[in-house]
Amino acid sequence: MRRLRFLLSRRWVIFFVVVIALAWVAWRLGEWQFHRLEDRKQRNAIIERNEALPPAPVTDVLAVGDDVSDQKQWRVVEATGTYDPDDTVIVRYRTREGTSGVDLVVPLVLSDGTALLVDRGWVATETRGSTPDDLPEPPPGEVTVTGWARQDATGDSTDVTDLSTRSISSERIGEALDRPVLGGFVDLRSESPAAETPLAAAELPELDNGPHFFYGLQWWFFGLLAVFGFFYLMYDEWRGVRPKRRGTADPEDDSEGAQHPAVDREHHARQE
């Protein structure tokens, strides 16, 4: 056990603590990635289920003052009303495939006077954050729309200034327009009659499992690598402090204290 006393030195104690901390962090990050994988699988299952259902009346899914629940996210809904293009809200910084653009959110006024916020789609812009001079008009008169129910965004990005925002929040937009709106919003899938200038429609998110499984394995591998490295360096240090075997000659001692036989014979010849 004497040969392992170096593990009690300050350097090795600190090294041990650092390795344990790194391994623990790597383990937790791996678990976090696997939790994200499970969340993604649940989200994909909800989207696939809701996409397969027939369109539901919008008031069965959305209500004034209520947000869209996780179970209703991406549910296909249908509504009939009249667009109010004067209250169009521009959602900035919506880049697609490297091209700058904006989304256009237009209130669809229903028969009871409430409004459904419809993200009609994306239009390209010249620069990031700019606004097109001529916004494509929605269909006039009574329109029937179908789309995917979406949850409101949160945070400072939902602030509305001059009918412009960075993220969609029905609460903030309703306050800015000073009109009652249904909670959440709808990503447009179709509208009848169709608009003269259609916009680039929203698409369902990717339904694969993403990279979370391999990211989780990588984090766990890094943790195991740190532990393995500690024990390897400990073994290397242990080899360096092993006592020499009894009877083993030191090469340096041999070179300094012992003479070559030929040199010894020459010395005796000179004496004679």
C-alpha atoms as a PDB file:
ATOM      1  CA  MET A   1       0.000   0.000   0.000  1.00  0.00           C
ATOM      2  CA  ARG A   2       3.001   2.317   0.397  1.00  0.00           C
ATOM      3  CA  ARG A   3       3.267   2.572  -3.345  1.00  0.00           C
ATOM      4  CA  LEU A   4      -0.228   4.109  -3.464  1.00  0.00           C
ATOM      5  CA  ARG A   5       0.531   6.843  -0.982  1.00  0.00           C
ATOM      6  CA  PHE A   6       0.994   9.284  -3.870  1.00  0.00           C
ATOM      7  CA  LEU A   7      -2.827   9.242  -4.223  1.00  0.00           C
ATOM      8  CA  LEU A   8      -3.016  11.197  -0.952  1.00  0.00           C
ATOM      9  CA  SER A   9      -0.950  14.050  -2.345  1.00  0.00           C
ATOM     10  CA  ARG A  10      -2.679  17.325  -3.009  1.00  0.00           C
ATOM     11  CA  ARG A  11      -2.194  17.020  -6.757  1.00  0.00           C
ATOM     12  CA  TRP A  12      -3.860  13.614  -6.968  1.00  0.00           C
ATOM     13  CA  VAL A  13      -6.692  14.516  -4.608  1.00  0.00           C
ATOM     14  CA  ILE A  14      -7.552  17.553  -6.762  1.00  0.00           C
ATOM     15  CA  PHE A  15      -7.234  15.420  -9.888  1.00  0.00           C
ATOM     16  CA  PHE A  16      -9.616  12.838  -8.425  1.00  0.00           C
ATOM     17  CA  VAL A  17     -12.207  15.475  -7.487  1.00  0.00           C
ATOM     18  CA  VAL A  18     -12.054  17.035 -10.970  1.00  0.00           C
ATOM     19  CA  VAL A  19     -12.500  13.651 -12.661  1.00  0.00           C
ATOM     20  CA  ILE A  20     -15.497  12.777 -10.466  1.00  0.00           C
ATOM     21  CA  ALA A  21     -17.060  16.173 -11.218  1.00  0.00           C
ATOM     22  CA  LEU A  22     -16.513  15.754 -14.972  1.00  0.00           C
ATOM     23  CA  ALA A  23     -17.952  12.234 -14.931  1.00  0.00           C
ATOM     24  CA  TRP A  24     -21.023  13.408 -12.978  1.00  0.00           C
ATOM     25  CA  VAL A  25     -21.639  16.328 -15.359  1.00  0.00           C
ATOM     26  CA  ALA A  26     -21.247  14.054 -18.390  1.00  0.00           C
ATOM     27  CA  TRP A  27     -23.689  11.550 -16.885  1.00  0.00           C
ATOM     28  CA  ARG A  28     -26.306  14.244 -16.205  1.00  0.00           C
ATOM     29  CA  LEU A  29     -25.927  15.742 -19.676  1.00  0.00           C
ATOM     30  CA  GLY A  30     -26.376  12.288 -21.168  1.00  0.00           C
ATOM     31  CA  GLU A  31     -29.543  11.785 -19.126  1.00  0.00           C
ATOM     32  CA  TRP A  32     -30.775  15.200 -20.262  1.00  0.00           C
ATOM     33  CA  GLN A  33     -30.331  14.201 -23.912  1.00  0.00           C
ATOM     34  CA  PHE A  34     -32.253  10.954 -23.362  1.00  0.00           C
ATOM     35  CA  HIS A  35     -35.046  12.906 -21.638  1.00  0.00           C
ATOM     36  CA  ARG A  36     -35.176  15.192 -24.659  1.00  0.00           C
ATOM     37  CA  LEU A  37     -35.416  12.109 -26.852  1.00  0.00           C
ATOM     38  CA  GLU A  38     -38.435  10.880 -24.893  1.00  0.00           C
ATOM     39  CA  ASP A  39     -40.053  14.327 -25.105  1.00  0.00           C
ATOM     40  CA  ARG A  40     -39.500  14.374 -28.849  1.00  0.00           C
ATOM     41  CA  LYS A  41     -41.028  10.933 -29.266  1.00  0.00           C
ATOM     42  CA  GLN A  42     -44.094  12.049 -27.309  1.00  0.00           C
ATOM     43  CA  ARG A  43     -44.352  15.224 -29.386  1.00  0.00           C
ATOM     44  CA  ASN A  44     -44.081  13.218 -32.619  1.00  0.00           C
ATOM     45  CA  ALA A  45     -46.820  10.852 -31.454  1.00  0.00           C
ATOM     46  CA  ILE A  46     -49.133  13.799 -30.673  1.00  0.00           C
ATOM     47  CA  ILE A  47     -48.468  15.407 -34.064  1.00  0.00           C
ATOM     48  CA  GLU A  48     -49.075  12.166 -35.955  1.00  0.00           C
ATOM     49  CA  ARG A  49     -52.300  11.557 -34.028  1.00  0.00           C
ATOM     50  CA  ASN A  50     -53.609  15.108 -34.513  1.00  0.00           C
ATOM     51  CA  GLU A  51     -52.662  15.196 -38.172  1.00  0.00           C
ATOM     52  CA  ALA A  52     -54.673  12.018 -38.798  1.00  0.00           C
ATOM     53  CA  LEU A  53     -57.838  13.436 -37.201  1.00  0.00           C
ATOM     54  CA  PRO A  54     -60.423  15.293 -39.315  1.00  0.00           C
ATOM     55  CA  PRO A  55     -60.459  19.104 -38.945  1.00  0.00           C
ATOM     56  CA  ALA A  56     -62.232  20.264 -35.778  1.00  0.00           C
ATOM     57  CA  PRO A  57     -64.198  23.521 -35.376  1.00  0.00           C
ATOM     58  CA  VAL A  58     -61.760  26.123 -34.164  1.00  0.00           C
ATOM     59  CA  THR A  59     -63.823  26.947 -31.077  1.00  0.00           C
ATOM     60  CA  ASP A  60     -63.530  23.311 -29.944  1.00  0.00           C
ATOM     61  CA  VAL A  61     -59.767  23.736 -29.667  1.00  0.00           C
ATOM     62  CA  LEU A  62     -59.111  27.443 -29.098  1.00  0.00           C
ATOM     63  CA  ALA A  63     -60.853  29.828 -26.707  1.00  0.00           C
ATOM     64  CA  VAL A  64     -60.453  33.442 -25.664  1.00  0.00           C
ATOM     65  CA  GLY A  65     -57.976  33.717 -22.791  1.00  0.00           C
ATOM     66  CA  ASP A  66     -56.846  30.069 -23.002  1.00  0.00           C
ATOM     67  CA  ASP A  67     -53.578  28.791 -24.401  1.00  0.00           C
ATOM     68  CA  VAL A  68     -53.321  25.706 -26.589  1.00  0.00           C
ATOM     69  CA  SER A  69     -52.457  22.621 -24.522  1.00  0.00           C
ATOM     70  CA  ASP A  70     -49.665  20.229 -25.485  1.00  0.00           C
ATOM     71  CA  GLN A  71     -52.224  17.615 -26.481  1.00  0.00           C
ATOM     72  CA  LYS A  72     -53.898  20.061 -28.898  1.00  0.00           C
ATOM     73  CA  GLN A  73     -50.691  21.391 -30.418  1.00  0.00           C
ATOM     74  CA  TRP A  74     -50.718  20.800 -34.201  1.00  0.00           C
ATOM     75  CA  ARG A  75     -54.399  19.819 -34.135  1.00  0.00           C
ATOM     76  CA  VAL A  76     -56.026  20.611 -37.493  1.00  0.00           C
ATOM     77  CA  VAL A  77     -58.846  23.147 -37.061  1.00  0.00           C
ATOM     78  CA  GLU A  78     -61.294  24.826 -39.390  1.00  0.00           C
ATOM     79  CA  ALA A  79     -62.826  28.302 -39.209  1.00  0.00           C
ATOM     80  CA  THR A  80     -64.951  30.567 -41.381  1.00  0.00           C
ATOM     81  CA  GLY A  81     -64.776  34.341 -41.224  1.00  0.00           C
ATOM     82  CA  THR A  82     -63.504  37.499 -42.870  1.00  0.00           C
ATOM     83  CA  TYR A  83     -59.894  38.642 -42.917  1.00  0.00           C
ATOM     84  CA  ASP A  84     -59.050  42.113 -41.630  1.00  0.00           C
ATOM     85  CA  PRO A  85     -55.877  43.014 -43.590  1.00  0.00           C
ATOM     86  CA  ASP A  86     -55.643  46.456 -41.933  1.00  0.00           C
ATOM     87  CA  ASP A  87     -54.615  44.704 -38.699  1.00  0.00           C
ATOM     88  CA  THR A  88     -51.938  42.539 -40.301  1.00  0.00           C
ATOM     89  CA  VAL A  89     -49.055  41.889 -37.889  1.00  0.00           C
ATOM     90  CA  ILE A  90     -45.619  41.311 -39.372  1.00  0.00           C
ATOM     91  CA  VAL A  91     -43.414  38.670 -37.694  1.00  0.00           C
ATOM     92  CA  ARG A  92     -39.809  39.610 -38.422  1.00  0.00           C
ATOM     93  CA  TYR A  93     -36.596  37.551 -38.684  1.00  0.00           C
ATOM     94  CA  ARG A  94     -38.145  34.448 -40.232  1.00  0.00           C
ATOM     95  CA  THR A  95     -35.279  33.084 -42.329  1.00  0.00           C
ATOM     96  CA  ARG A  96     -35.824  30.109 -44.628  1.00  0.00           C
ATOM     97  CA  GLU A  97     -32.920  28.291 -46.276  1.00  0.00           C
ATOM     98  CA  GLY A  98     -30.685  31.324 -45.806  1.00  0.00           C
ATOM     99  CA  THR A  99     -33.201  33.793 -47.263  1.00  0.00           C
ATOM    100  CA  SER A 100     -34.535  36.624 -45.102  1.00  0.00           C
ATOM    101  CA  GLY A 101     -38.273  36.985 -44.761  1.00  0.00           C
ATOM    102  CA  VAL A 102     -41.287  37.670 -42.581  1.00  0.00           C
ATOM    103  CA  ASP A 103     -44.505  35.890 -41.645  1.00  0.00           C
ATOM    104  CA  LEU A 104     -47.847  37.652 -42.038  1.00  0.00           C
ATOM    105  CA  VAL A 105     -50.392  37.181 -39.238  1.00  0.00           C
ATOM    106  CA  VAL A 106     -53.872  38.359 -40.191  1.00  0.00           C
ATOM    107  CA  PRO A 107     -56.948  38.325 -37.896  1.00  0.00           C
ATOM    108  CA  LEU A 108     -59.835  36.259 -39.210  1.00  0.00           C
ATOM    109  CA  VAL A 109     -63.003  37.808 -37.737  1.00  0.00           C
ATOM    110  CA  LEU A 110     -65.533  35.114 -36.815  1.00  0.00           C
ATOM    111  CA  SER A 111     -69.323  35.430 -36.706  1.00  0.00           C
ATOM    112  CA  ASP A 112     -69.341  36.157 -32.951  1.00  0.00           C
ATOM    113  CA  GLY A 113     -66.923  39.072 -33.350  1.00  0.00           C
ATOM    114  CA  THR A 114     -63.855  37.340 -31.942  1.00  0.00           C
ATOM    115  CA  ALA A 115     -60.781  36.999 -34.113  1.00  0.00           C
ATOM    116  CA  LEU A 116     -58.584  34.034 -34.944  1.00  0.00           C
ATOM    117  CA  LEU A 117     -54.947  34.891 -35.579  1.00  0.00           C
ATOM    118  CA  VAL A 118     -53.904  33.168 -38.785  1.00  0.00           C
ATOM    119  CA  ASP A 119     -50.242  32.950 -39.748  1.00  0.00           C
ATOM    120  CA  ARG A 120     -50.859  32.969 -43.493  1.00  0.00           C
ATOM    121  CA  GLY A 121     -47.276  32.144 -44.355  1.00  0.00           C
ATOM    122  CA  TRP A 122     -43.882  33.490 -45.265  1.00  0.00           C
ATOM    123  CA  VAL A 123     -42.733  36.090 -47.781  1.00  0.00           C
ATOM    124  CA  ALA A 124     -39.128  36.933 -48.680  1.00  0.00           C
ATOM    125  CA  THR A 125     -37.587  40.335 -47.916  1.00  0.00           C
ATOM    126  CA  GLU A 126     -34.536  42.165 -49.234  1.00  0.00           C
ATOM    127  CA  THR A 127     -32.748  42.362 -45.904  1.00  0.00           C
ATOM    128  CA  ARG A 128     -33.028  40.725 -42.506  1.00  0.00           C
ATOM    129  CA  GLY A 129     -35.743  42.411 -40.458  1.00  0.00           C
ATOM    130  CA  SER A 130     -37.055  44.579 -43.286  1.00  0.00           C
ATOM    131  CA  THR A 131     -40.686  44.688 -44.431  1.00  0.00           C
ATOM    132  CA  PRO A 132     -41.976  44.308 -48.009  1.00  0.00           C
ATOM    133  CA  ASP A 133     -43.472  47.460 -49.490  1.00  0.00           C
ATOM    134  CA  ASP A 134     -46.486  45.591 -50.872  1.00  0.00           C
ATOM    135  CA  LEU A 135     -47.903  42.877 -48.645  1.00  0.00           C
ATOM    136  CA  PRO A 136     -49.808  40.109 -50.452  1.00  0.00           C
ATOM    137  CA  GLU A 137     -53.509  40.532 -49.743  1.00  0.00           C
ATOM    138  CA  PRO A 138     -55.622  37.744 -48.224  1.00  0.00           C
ATOM    139  CA  PRO A 139     -58.777  36.587 -50.004  1.00  0.00           C
ATOM    140  CA  PRO A 140     -61.621  39.125 -49.691  1.00  0.00           C
ATOM    141  CA  GLY A 141     -65.039  38.318 -48.282  1.00  0.00           C
ATOM    142  CA  GLU A 142     -65.946  35.181 -46.376  1.00  0.00           C
ATOM    143  CA  VAL A 143     -63.111  32.665 -46.210  1.00  0.00           C
ATOM    144  CA  THR A 144     -62.875  29.154 -44.806  1.00  0.00           C
ATOM    145  CA  VAL A 145     -59.439  28.281 -43.502  1.00  0.00           C
ATOM    146  CA  THR A 146     -57.872  25.109 -42.145  1.00  0.00           C
ATOM    147  CA  GLY A 147     -54.645  25.087 -40.221  1.00  0.00           C
ATOM    148  CA  TRP A 148     -52.630  23.730 -37.339  1.00  0.00           C
ATOM    149  CA  ALA A 149     -53.318  25.008 -33.838  1.00  0.00           C
ATOM    150  CA  ARG A 150     -50.190  26.447 -32.258  1.00  0.00           C
ATOM    151  CA  GLN A 151     -49.189  27.584 -28.791  1.00  0.00           C
ATOM    152  CA  ASP A 152     -48.302  31.183 -28.006  1.00  0.00           C
ATOM    153  CA  ALA A 153     -44.674  32.186 -27.685  1.00  0.00           C
ATOM    154  CA  THR A 154     -43.472  33.795 -24.469  1.00  0.00           C
ATOM    155  CA  GLY A 155     -40.851  36.328 -23.438  1.00  0.00           C
ATOM    156  CA  ASP A 156     -39.763  39.740 -24.621  1.00  0.00           C
ATOM    157  CA  SER A 157     -39.744  38.642 -28.274  1.00  0.00           C
ATOM    158  CA  THR A 158     -43.565  38.788 -28.250  1.00  0.00           C
ATOM    159  CA  ASP A 159     -43.669  42.577 -27.755  1.00  0.00           C
ATOM    160  CA  VAL A 160     -45.688  44.250 -30.506  1.00  0.00           C
ATOM    161  CA  THR A 161     -44.566  47.633 -31.852  1.00  0.00           C
ATOM    162  CA  ASP A 162     -46.208  49.288 -34.873  1.00  0.00           C
ATOM    163  CA  LEU A 163     -47.928  46.006 -35.768  1.00  0.00           C
ATOM    164  CA  SER A 164     -44.591  44.208 -35.821  1.00  0.00           C
ATOM    165  CA  THR A 165     -43.197  41.490 -33.562  1.00  0.00           C
ATOM    166  CA  ARG A 166     -40.594  38.733 -33.466  1.00  0.00           C
ATOM    167  CA  SER A 167     -42.765  35.949 -32.011  1.00  0.00           C
ATOM    168  CA  ILE A 168     -46.504  35.341 -32.009  1.00  0.00           C
ATOM    169  CA  SER A 169     -48.487  35.785 -28.804  1.00  0.00           C
ATOM    170  CA  SER A 170     -52.270  36.076 -29.060  1.00  0.00           C
ATOM    171  CA  GLU A 171     -52.363  37.974 -25.774  1.00  0.00           C
ATOM    172  CA  ARG A 172     -49.876  40.633 -26.885  1.00  0.00           C
ATOM    173  CA  ILE A 173     -51.335  40.932 -30.380  1.00  0.00           C
ATOM    174  CA  GLY A 174     -54.875  41.150 -28.983  1.00  0.00           C
ATOM    175  CA  GLU A 175     -53.785  43.999 -26.718  1.00  0.00           C
ATOM    176  CA  ALA A 176     -52.070  45.789 -29.622  1.00  0.00           C
ATOM    177  CA  LEU A 177     -55.131  45.422 -31.877  1.00  0.00           C
ATOM    178  CA  ASP A 178     -57.544  46.146 -29.023  1.00  0.00           C
ATOM    179  CA  ARG A 179     -59.842  43.296 -29.980  1.00  0.00           C
ATOM    180  CA  PRO A 180     -60.783  39.903 -28.475  1.00  0.00           C
ATOM    181  CA  VAL A 181     -58.793  37.054 -30.011  1.00  0.00           C
ATOM    182  CA  LEU A 182     -58.768  33.318 -29.470  1.00  0.00           C
ATOM    183  CA  GLY A 183     -55.835  31.993 -27.466  1.00  0.00           C
ATOM    184  CA  GLY A 184     -53.002  30.612 -29.552  1.00  0.00           C
ATOM    185  CA  PHE A 185     -52.892  30.968 -33.304  1.00  0.00           C
ATOM    186  CA  VAL A 186     -53.167  28.896 -36.486  1.00  0.00           C
ATOM    187  CA  ASP A 187     -50.524  28.064 -39.076  1.00  0.00           C
ATOM    188  CA  LEU A 188     -52.422  28.167 -42.350  1.00  0.00           C
ATOM    189  CA  ARG A 189     -52.756  24.930 -44.296  1.00  0.00           C
ATOM    190  CA  SER A 190     -55.409  25.959 -46.819  1.00  0.00           C
ATOM    191  CA  GLU A 191     -57.954  28.701 -47.430  1.00  0.00           C
ATOM    192  CA  SER A 192     -61.015  28.788 -49.654  1.00  0.00           C
ATOM    193  CA  PRO A 193     -61.259  30.781 -51.830  1.00  0.00           C
ATOM    194  CA  ALA A 194     -57.523  30.885 -52.423  1.00  0.00           C
ATOM    195  CA  ALA A 195     -55.555  34.118 -52.426  1.00  0.00           C
ATOM    196  CA  GLU A 196     -54.313  35.636 -55.673  1.00  0.00           C
ATOM    197  CA  THR A 197     -50.776  35.661 -54.292  1.00  0.00           C
ATOM    198  CA  PRO A 198     -50.236  32.615 -52.082  1.00  0.00           C
ATOM    199  CA  LEU A 199     -47.553  32.706 -49.425  1.00  0.00           C
ATOM    200  CA  ALA A 200     -45.042  30.015 -48.526  1.00  0.00           C
ATOM    201  CA  ALA A 201     -47.041  27.858 -46.126  1.00  0.00           C
ATOM    202  CA  ALA A 202     -45.887  26.486 -42.819  1.00  0.00           C
ATOM    203  CA  GLU A 203     -44.846  22.859 -42.634  1.00  0.00           C
ATOM    204  CA  LEU A 204     -45.068  20.192 -39.984  1.00  0.00           C
ATOM    205  CA  PRO A 205     -41.873  19.804 -37.959  1.00  0.00           C
ATOM    206  CA  GLU A 206     -39.562  16.884 -38.665  1.00  0.00           C
ATOM    207  CA  LEU A 207     -40.919  13.719 -37.071  1.00  0.00           C
ATOM    208  CA  ASP A 208     -37.609  11.911 -36.647  1.00  0.00           C
ATOM    209  CA  ASN A 209     -35.935  11.304 -33.301  1.00  0.00           C
ATOM    210  CA  GLY A 210     -33.216  13.863 -33.885  1.00  0.00           C
ATOM    211  CA  PRO A 211     -29.617  13.516 -32.666  1.00  0.00           C
ATOM    212  CA  HIS A 212     -30.452  13.157 -28.960  1.00  0.00           C
ATOM    213  CA  PHE A 213     -29.695   9.420 -28.699  1.00  0.00           C
ATOM    214  CA  PHE A 214     -26.167   9.762 -30.089  1.00  0.00           C
ATOM    215  CA  TYR A 215     -25.554  12.963 -28.120  1.00  0.00           C
ATOM    216  CA  GLY A 216     -26.493  11.079 -24.954  1.00  0.00           C
ATOM    217  CA  LEU A 217     -24.111   8.249 -25.773  1.00  0.00           C
ATOM    218  CA  GLN A 218     -21.327  10.742 -26.504  1.00  0.00           C
ATOM    219  CA  TRP A 219     -21.716  12.429 -23.124  1.00  0.00           C
ATOM    220  CA  TRP A 220     -21.618   9.074 -21.315  1.00  0.00           C
ATOM    221  CA  PHE A 221     -18.565   8.078 -23.353  1.00  0.00           C
ATOM    222  CA  PHE A 222     -16.790  11.289 -22.306  1.00  0.00           C
ATOM    223  CA  GLY A 223     -17.548  10.485 -18.651  1.00  0.00           C
ATOM    224  CA  LEU A 224     -16.162   6.969 -18.965  1.00  0.00           C
ATOM    225  CA  LEU A 225     -13.129   8.329 -20.806  1.00  0.00           C
ATOM    226  CA  ALA A 226     -12.368  10.683 -17.904  1.00  0.00           C
ATOM    227  CA  VAL A 227     -12.569   7.802 -15.389  1.00  0.00           C
ATOM    228  CA  PHE A 228     -10.425   5.556 -17.586  1.00  0.00           C
ATOM    229  CA  GLY A 229      -7.845   8.322 -18.001  1.00  0.00           C
ATOM    230  CA  PHE A 230      -7.607   8.744 -14.234  1.00  0.00           C
ATOM    231  CA  PHE A 231      -6.920   5.056 -13.616  1.00  0.00           C
ATOM    232  CA  TYR A 232      -4.460   4.878 -16.505  1.00  0.00           C
ATOM    233  CA  LEU A 233      -2.451   7.816 -15.171  1.00  0.00           C
ATOM    234  CA  MET A 234      -2.631   6.330 -11.675  1.00  0.00           C
ATOM    235  CA  TYR A 235      -1.179   3.053 -13.020  1.00  0.00           C
ATOM    236  CA  ASP A 236       1.526   4.957 -14.870  1.00  0.00           C
ATOM    237  CA  GLU A 237       2.452   6.809 -11.678  1.00  0.00           C
ATOM    238  CA  TRP A 238       2.432   3.535  -9.698  1.00  0.00           C
ATOM    239  CA  ARG A 239       4.898   1.981 -12.162  1.00  0.00           C
ATOM    240  CA  GLY A 240       7.262   4.892 -11.653  1.00  0.00           C
ATOM    241  CA  VAL A 241       7.445   4.435  -7.868  1.00  0.00           C
ATOM    242  CA  ARG A 242       7.876   0.614  -7.782  1.00  0.00           C
ATOM    243  CA  PRO A 243      11.030  -0.491  -5.874  1.00  0.00           C
ATOM    244  CA  LYS A 244      13.753  -2.171  -7.928  1.00  0.00           C
ATOM    245  CA  ARG A 245      14.173  -5.897  -7.728  1.00  0.00           C
ATOM    246  CA  ARG A 246      16.980  -7.086  -5.471  1.00  0.00           C
ATOM    247  CA  GLY A 247      20.115  -8.066  -7.441  1.00  0.00           C
ATOM    248  CA  THR A 248      19.294  -5.989 -10.497  1.00  0.00           C
ATOM    249  CA  ALA A 249      22.269  -3.930 -11.603  1.00  0.00           C
ATOM    250  CA  ASP A 250      21.881  -0.296 -12.478  1.00  0.00           C
ATOM    251  CA  PRO A 251      23.157   0.414 -15.998  1.00  0.00           C
ATOM    252  CA  GLU A 252      24.665   3.705 -14.851  1.00  0.00           C
ATOM    253  CA  ASP A 253      26.496   2.017 -11.974  1.00  0.00           C
ATOM    254  CA  ASP A 254      27.888  -0.575 -14.393  1.00  0.00           C
ATOM    255  CA  SER A 255      29.211   2.093 -16.707  1.00  0.00           C
ATOM    256  CA  GLU A 256      30.924   4.007 -13.886  1.00  0.00           C
ATOM    257  CA  GLY A 257      32.193   1.306 -11.498  1.00  0.00           C
ATOM    258  CA  ALA A 258      33.009  -1.682 -13.764  1.00  0.00           C
ATOM    259  CA  GLN A 259      35.785  -1.856 -16.378  1.00  0.00           C
ATOM    260  CA  HIS A 260      35.768  -3.766 -19.618  1.00  0.00           C
ATOM    261  CA  PRO A 261      37.857  -7.015 -19.550  1.00  0.00           C
ATOM    262  CA  ALA A 262      40.079  -5.813 -22.423  1.00  0.00           C
ATOM    263  CA  VAL A 263      40.933  -2.642 -20.545  1.00  0.00           C
ATOM    264  CA  ASP A 264      41.831  -4.727 -17.435  1.00  0.00           C
ATOM    265  CA  ARG A 265      44.267  -6.964 -19.374  1.00  0.00           C
ATOM    266  CA  GLU A 266      46.001  -3.931 -20.884  1.00  0.00           C
ATOM    267  CA  HIS A 267      46.505  -2.491 -17.401  1.00  0.00           C
ATOM    268  CA  HIS A 268      48.225  -5.697 -16.115  1.00  0.00           C
ATOM    269  CA  ALA A 269      50.487  -5.843 -19.207  1.00  0.00           C
ATOM    270  CA  ARG A 270      51.840  -2.349 -18.537  1.00  0.00           C
ATOM    271  CA  GLN A 271      52.669  -3.249 -14.943  1.00  0.00           C
ATOM    272  CA  GLU A 272      54.810  -6.222 -16.037  1.00  0.00           C
END
